[in-house]
Amino acid sequence: MSETEKVAEALKKAAADGKISCTAARRLAGELQVSPRVVGQLCNELKIRIKACELGCFK
């Protein structure tokens, strides 16, 4: 399984309802040792919405 597939699998589990908080996404990136950008790009590809953005960009 590739790194991208591992991250995608973890995201699907963390965002079972199709949403993940910014904090949880950043924590997941740290746990998987990938940049937050990778997690964000996969969220876009998987149609997972980011909620409670720490910068106020997403609602």
PDB file of N, CA and C in Angstrom:
ATOM      1  N   MET A   1       0.860  -1.181   0.000  1.00  0.00           N
ATOM      2  CA  MET A   1       0.000   0.000   0.000  1.00  0.00           C
ATOM      3  C   MET A   1       0.901   1.237   0.000  1.00  0.00           C
ATOM      4  N   SER A   2       0.604   2.167  -0.889  1.00  0.00           N
ATOM      5  CA  SER A   2       1.406   3.386  -0.987  1.00  0.00           C
ATOM      6  C   SER A   2       1.091   4.341   0.167  1.00  0.00           C
ATOM      7  N   GLU A   3       1.949   5.330   0.324  1.00  0.00           N
ATOM      8  CA  GLU A   3       1.740   6.336   1.371  1.00  0.00           C
ATOM      9  C   GLU A   3       0.410   7.061   1.150  1.00  0.00           C
ATOM     10  N   THR A   4       0.128   7.408  -0.089  1.00  0.00           N
ATOM     11  CA  THR A   4      -1.121   8.105  -0.410  1.00  0.00           C
ATOM     12  C   THR A   4      -2.322   7.249  -0.049  1.00  0.00           C
ATOM     13  N   GLU A   5      -2.258   5.956  -0.343  1.00  0.00           N
ATOM     14  CA  GLU A   5      -3.357   5.059  -0.014  1.00  0.00           C
ATOM     15  C   GLU A   5      -3.540   4.945   1.493  1.00  0.00           C
ATOM     16  N   LYS A   6      -2.439   4.935   2.232  1.00  0.00           N
ATOM     17  CA  LYS A   6      -2.516   4.863   3.692  1.00  0.00           C
ATOM     18  C   LYS A   6      -3.187   6.113   4.258  1.00  0.00           C
ATOM     19  N   VAL A   7      -2.793   7.266   3.733  1.00  0.00           N
ATOM     20  CA  VAL A   7      -3.385   8.523   4.193  1.00  0.00           C
ATOM     21  C   VAL A   7      -4.869   8.565   3.835  1.00  0.00           C
ATOM     22  N   ALA A   8      -5.208   8.154   2.618  1.00  0.00           N
ATOM     23  CA  ALA A   8      -6.606   8.153   2.184  1.00  0.00           C
ATOM     24  C   ALA A   8      -7.443   7.236   3.072  1.00  0.00           C
ATOM     25  N   GLU A   9      -6.920   6.073   3.390  1.00  0.00           N
ATOM     26  CA  GLU A   9      -7.636   5.126   4.248  1.00  0.00           C
ATOM     27  C   GLU A   9      -7.870   5.720   5.643  1.00  0.00           C
ATOM     28  N   ALA A  10      -6.829   6.343   6.194  1.00  0.00           N
ATOM     29  CA  ALA A  10      -6.945   6.961   7.516  1.00  0.00           C
ATOM     30  C   ALA A  10      -7.953   8.111   7.490  1.00  0.00           C
ATOM     31  N   LEU A  11      -7.954   8.879   6.410  1.00  0.00           N
ATOM     32  CA  LEU A  11      -8.905   9.987   6.284  1.00  0.00           C
ATOM     33  C   LEU A  11     -10.339   9.474   6.222  1.00  0.00           C
ATOM     34  N   LYS A  12     -10.555   8.426   5.461  1.00  0.00           N
ATOM     35  CA  LYS A  12     -11.908   7.866   5.349  1.00  0.00           C
ATOM     36  C   LYS A  12     -12.413   7.404   6.710  1.00  0.00           C
ATOM     37  N   LYS A  13     -11.540   6.815   7.503  1.00  0.00           N
ATOM     38  CA  LYS A  13     -11.940   6.364   8.841  1.00  0.00           C
ATOM     39  C   LYS A  13     -12.210   7.552   9.762  1.00  0.00           C
ATOM     40  N   ALA A  14     -11.364   8.574   9.686  1.00  0.00           N
ATOM     41  CA  ALA A  14     -11.493   9.735  10.566  1.00  0.00           C
ATOM     42  C   ALA A  14     -12.682  10.609  10.184  1.00  0.00           C
ATOM     43  N   ALA A  15     -13.072  10.550   8.917  1.00  0.00           N
ATOM     44  CA  ALA A  15     -14.158  11.401   8.432  1.00  0.00           C
ATOM     45  C   ALA A  15     -15.314  10.534   7.943  1.00  0.00           C
ATOM     46  N   ALA A  16     -15.782   9.642   8.787  1.00  0.00           N
ATOM     47  CA  ALA A  16     -16.843   8.709   8.413  1.00  0.00           C
ATOM     48  C   ALA A  16     -18.105   9.426   7.932  1.00  0.00           C
ATOM     49  N   ASP A  17     -18.338  10.631   8.448  1.00  0.00           N
ATOM     50  CA  ASP A  17     -19.520  11.395   8.041  1.00  0.00           C
ATOM     51  C   ASP A  17     -19.228  12.366   6.904  1.00  0.00           C
ATOM     52  N   GLY A  18     -18.027  12.262   6.309  1.00  0.00           N
ATOM     53  CA  GLY A  18     -17.660  13.133   5.192  1.00  0.00           C
ATOM     54  C   GLY A  18     -17.104  14.473   5.614  1.00  0.00           C
ATOM     55  N   LYS A  19     -16.819  14.631   6.908  1.00  0.00           N
ATOM     56  CA  LYS A  19     -16.273  15.885   7.430  1.00  0.00           C
ATOM     57  C   LYS A  19     -15.161  15.566   8.415  1.00  0.00           C
ATOM     58  N   ILE A  20     -14.186  16.460   8.486  1.00  0.00           N
ATOM     59  CA  ILE A  20     -13.103  16.328   9.466  1.00  0.00           C
ATOM     60  C   ILE A  20     -12.728  17.732   9.930  1.00  0.00           C
ATOM     61  N   SER A  21     -12.438  17.863  11.193  1.00  0.00           N
ATOM     62  CA  SER A  21     -12.040  19.187  11.694  1.00  0.00           C
ATOM     63  C   SER A  21     -10.609  19.474  11.256  1.00  0.00           C
ATOM     64  N   CYS A  22     -10.298  20.720  11.169  1.00  0.00           N
ATOM     65  CA  CYS A  22      -8.952  21.156  10.808  1.00  0.00           C
ATOM     66  C   CYS A  22      -7.936  20.578  11.800  1.00  0.00           C
ATOM     67  N   THR A  23      -8.264  20.632  13.058  1.00  0.00           N
ATOM     68  CA  THR A  23      -7.379  20.113  14.096  1.00  0.00           C
ATOM     69  C   THR A  23      -7.112  18.627  13.896  1.00  0.00           C
ATOM     70  N   ALA A  24      -8.166  17.860  13.617  1.00  0.00           N
ATOM     71  CA  ALA A  24      -8.011  16.420  13.415  1.00  0.00           C
ATOM     72  C   ALA A  24      -7.208  16.126  12.153  1.00  0.00           C
ATOM     73  N   ALA A  25      -7.411  16.902  11.107  1.00  0.00           N
ATOM     74  CA  ALA A  25      -6.665  16.702   9.860  1.00  0.00           C
ATOM     75  C   ALA A  25      -5.177  16.985  10.074  1.00  0.00           C
ATOM     76  N   ARG A  26      -4.864  18.045  10.801  1.00  0.00           N
ATOM     77  CA  ARG A  26      -3.457  18.376  11.072  1.00  0.00           C
ATOM     78  C   ARG A  26      -2.827  17.311  11.980  1.00  0.00           C
ATOM     79  N   ARG A  27      -3.575  16.821  12.948  1.00  0.00           N
ATOM     80  CA  ARG A  27      -3.076  15.767  13.835  1.00  0.00           C
ATOM     81  C   ARG A  27      -2.783  14.502  13.022  1.00  0.00           C
ATOM     82  N   LEU A  28      -3.689  14.158  12.115  1.00  0.00           N
ATOM     83  CA  LEU A  28      -3.520  12.990  11.268  1.00  0.00           C
ATOM     84  C   LEU A  28      -2.265  13.123  10.394  1.00  0.00           C
ATOM     85  N   ALA A  29      -2.049  14.311   9.854  1.00  0.00           N
ATOM     86  CA  ALA A  29      -0.852  14.560   9.048  1.00  0.00           C
ATOM     87  C   ALA A  29       0.402  14.317   9.886  1.00  0.00           C
ATOM     88  N   GLY A  30       0.394  14.791  11.118  1.00  0.00           N
ATOM     89  CA  GLY A  30       1.535  14.589  12.005  1.00  0.00           C
ATOM     90  C   GLY A  30       1.762  13.130  12.335  1.00  0.00           C
ATOM     91  N   GLU A  31       0.680  12.409  12.623  1.00  0.00           N
ATOM     92  CA  GLU A  31       0.786  10.985  12.955  1.00  0.00           C
ATOM     93  C   GLU A  31       1.318  10.170  11.786  1.00  0.00           C
ATOM     94  N   LEU A  32       0.905  10.550  10.573  1.00  0.00           N
ATOM     95  CA  LEU A  32       1.314   9.813   9.381  1.00  0.00           C
ATOM     96  C   LEU A  32       2.595  10.374   8.752  1.00  0.00           C
ATOM     97  N   GLN A  33       3.113  11.425   9.354  1.00  0.00           N
ATOM     98  CA  GLN A  33       4.352  12.074   8.921  1.00  0.00           C
ATOM     99  C   GLN A  33       4.289  12.528   7.458  1.00  0.00           C
ATOM    100  N   VAL A  34       3.192  13.212   7.133  1.00  0.00           N
ATOM    101  CA  VAL A  34       3.030  13.838   5.824  1.00  0.00           C
ATOM    102  C   VAL A  34       2.667  15.300   6.065  1.00  0.00           C
ATOM    103  N   SER A  35       2.812  16.113   5.049  1.00  0.00           N
ATOM    104  CA  SER A  35       2.490  17.528   5.222  1.00  0.00           C
ATOM    105  C   SER A  35       0.971  17.711   5.266  1.00  0.00           C
ATOM    106  N   PRO A  36       0.516  18.741   5.956  1.00  0.00           N
ATOM    107  CA  PRO A  36      -0.918  19.038   5.969  1.00  0.00           C
ATOM    108  C   PRO A  36      -1.464  19.253   4.548  1.00  0.00           C
ATOM    109  N   ARG A  37      -0.629  19.727   3.651  1.00  0.00           N
ATOM    110  CA  ARG A  37      -1.047  19.937   2.259  1.00  0.00           C
ATOM    111  C   ARG A  37      -1.483  18.615   1.617  1.00  0.00           C
ATOM    112  N   VAL A  38      -0.752  17.533   1.893  1.00  0.00           N
ATOM    113  CA  VAL A  38      -1.112  16.215   1.350  1.00  0.00           C
ATOM    114  C   VAL A  38      -2.489  15.810   1.854  1.00  0.00           C
ATOM    115  N   VAL A  39      -2.730  15.995   3.141  1.00  0.00           N
ATOM    116  CA  VAL A  39      -4.032  15.658   3.720  1.00  0.00           C
ATOM    117  C   VAL A  39      -5.118  16.524   3.090  1.00  0.00           C
ATOM    118  N   GLY A  40      -4.847  17.806   2.926  1.00  0.00           N
ATOM    119  CA  GLY A  40      -5.822  18.713   2.319  1.00  0.00           C
ATOM    120  C   GLY A  40      -6.151  18.332   0.885  1.00  0.00           C
ATOM    121  N   GLN A  41      -5.139  17.974   0.114  1.00  0.00           N
ATOM    122  CA  GLN A  41      -5.363  17.570  -1.277  1.00  0.00           C
ATOM    123  C   GLN A  41      -6.210  16.296  -1.342  1.00  0.00           C
ATOM    124  N   LEU A  42      -5.918  15.360  -0.453  1.00  0.00           N
ATOM    125  CA  LEU A  42      -6.709  14.127  -0.433  1.00  0.00           C
ATOM    126  C   LEU A  42      -8.136  14.395   0.029  1.00  0.00           C
ATOM    127  N   CYS A  43      -8.313  15.327   0.949  1.00  0.00           N
ATOM    128  CA  CYS A  43      -9.671  15.704   1.356  1.00  0.00           C
ATOM    129  C   CYS A  43     -10.446  16.192   0.134  1.00  0.00           C
ATOM    130  N   ASN A  44      -9.815  17.015  -0.676  1.00  0.00           N
ATOM    131  CA  ASN A  44     -10.469  17.505  -1.892  1.00  0.00           C
ATOM    132  C   ASN A  44     -10.823  16.349  -2.819  1.00  0.00           C
ATOM    133  N   GLU A  45      -9.879  15.456  -3.058  1.00  0.00           N
ATOM    134  CA  GLU A  45     -10.102  14.330  -3.963  1.00  0.00           C
ATOM    135  C   GLU A  45     -11.200  13.397  -3.455  1.00  0.00           C
ATOM    136  N   LEU A  46     -11.250  13.197  -2.145  1.00  0.00           N
ATOM    137  CA  LEU A  46     -12.220  12.281  -1.546  1.00  0.00           C
ATOM    138  C   LEU A  46     -13.539  12.966  -1.189  1.00  0.00           C
ATOM    139  N   LYS A  47     -13.646  14.257  -1.498  1.00  0.00           N
ATOM    140  CA  LYS A  47     -14.851  15.044  -1.196  1.00  0.00           C
ATOM    141  C   LYS A  47     -15.142  15.090   0.307  1.00  0.00           C
ATOM    142  N   ILE A  48     -14.074  15.179   1.100  1.00  0.00           N
ATOM    143  CA  ILE A  48     -14.203  15.308   2.551  1.00  0.00           C
ATOM    144  C   ILE A  48     -14.096  16.788   2.888  1.00  0.00           C
ATOM    145  N   ARG A  49     -15.084  17.296   3.583  1.00  0.00           N
ATOM    146  CA  ARG A  49     -15.111  18.721   3.938  1.00  0.00           C
ATOM    147  C   ARG A  49     -14.332  18.961   5.221  1.00  0.00           C
ATOM    148  N   ILE A  50     -13.607  20.064   5.247  1.00  0.00           N
ATOM    149  CA  ILE A  50     -12.881  20.471   6.447  1.00  0.00           C
ATOM    150  C   ILE A  50     -13.771  21.436   7.219  1.00  0.00           C
ATOM    151  N   LYS A  51     -13.998  21.127   8.499  1.00  0.00           N
ATOM    152  CA  LYS A  51     -14.849  21.981   9.328  1.00  0.00           C
ATOM    153  C   LYS A  51     -14.013  22.553  10.465  1.00  0.00           C
ATOM    154  N   ALA A  52     -14.500  23.575  11.078  1.00  0.00           N
ATOM    155  CA  ALA A  52     -13.820  24.222  12.210  1.00  0.00           C
ATOM    156  C   ALA A  52     -12.382  24.580  11.858  1.00  0.00           C
ATOM    157  N   CYS A  53     -12.222  25.251  10.729  1.00  0.00           N
ATOM    158  CA  CYS A  53     -10.893  25.638  10.273  1.00  0.00           C
ATOM    159  C   CYS A  53     -10.257  26.599  11.271  1.00  0.00           C
ATOM    160  N   GLU A  54      -9.005  26.350  11.572  1.00  0.00           N
ATOM    161  CA  GLU A  54      -8.284  27.191  12.524  1.00  0.00           C
ATOM    162  C   GLU A  54      -8.025  28.595  11.982  1.00  0.00           C
ATOM    163  N   LEU A  55      -8.079  28.754  10.651  1.00  0.00           N
ATOM    164  CA  LEU A  55      -7.864  30.065  10.043  1.00  0.00           C
ATOM    165  C   LEU A  55      -9.183  30.755   9.676  1.00  0.00           C
ATOM    166  N   GLY A  56     -10.280  30.043   9.871  1.00  0.00           N
ATOM    167  CA  GLY A  56     -11.583  30.615   9.534  1.00  0.00           C
ATOM    168  C   GLY A  56     -11.903  30.560   8.052  1.00  0.00           C
ATOM    169  N   CYS A  57     -11.188  29.740   7.289  1.00  0.00           N
ATOM    170  CA  CYS A  57     -11.393  29.652   5.846  1.00  0.00           C
ATOM    171  C   CYS A  57     -12.589  28.791   5.480  1.00  0.00           C
ATOM    172  N   PHE A  58     -12.879  27.776   6.275  1.00  0.00           N
ATOM    173  CA  PHE A  58     -13.951  26.844   5.971  1.00  0.00           C
ATOM    174  C   PHE A  58     -14.921  26.820   7.143  1.00  0.00           C
ATOM    175  N   LYS A  59     -16.183  26.641   6.835  1.00  0.00           N
ATOM    176  CA  LYS A  59     -17.195  26.593   7.897  1.00  0.00           C
ATOM    177  C   LYS A  59     -17.852  25.253   7.924  1.00  0.00           C
TER     178      LYS A  59
END
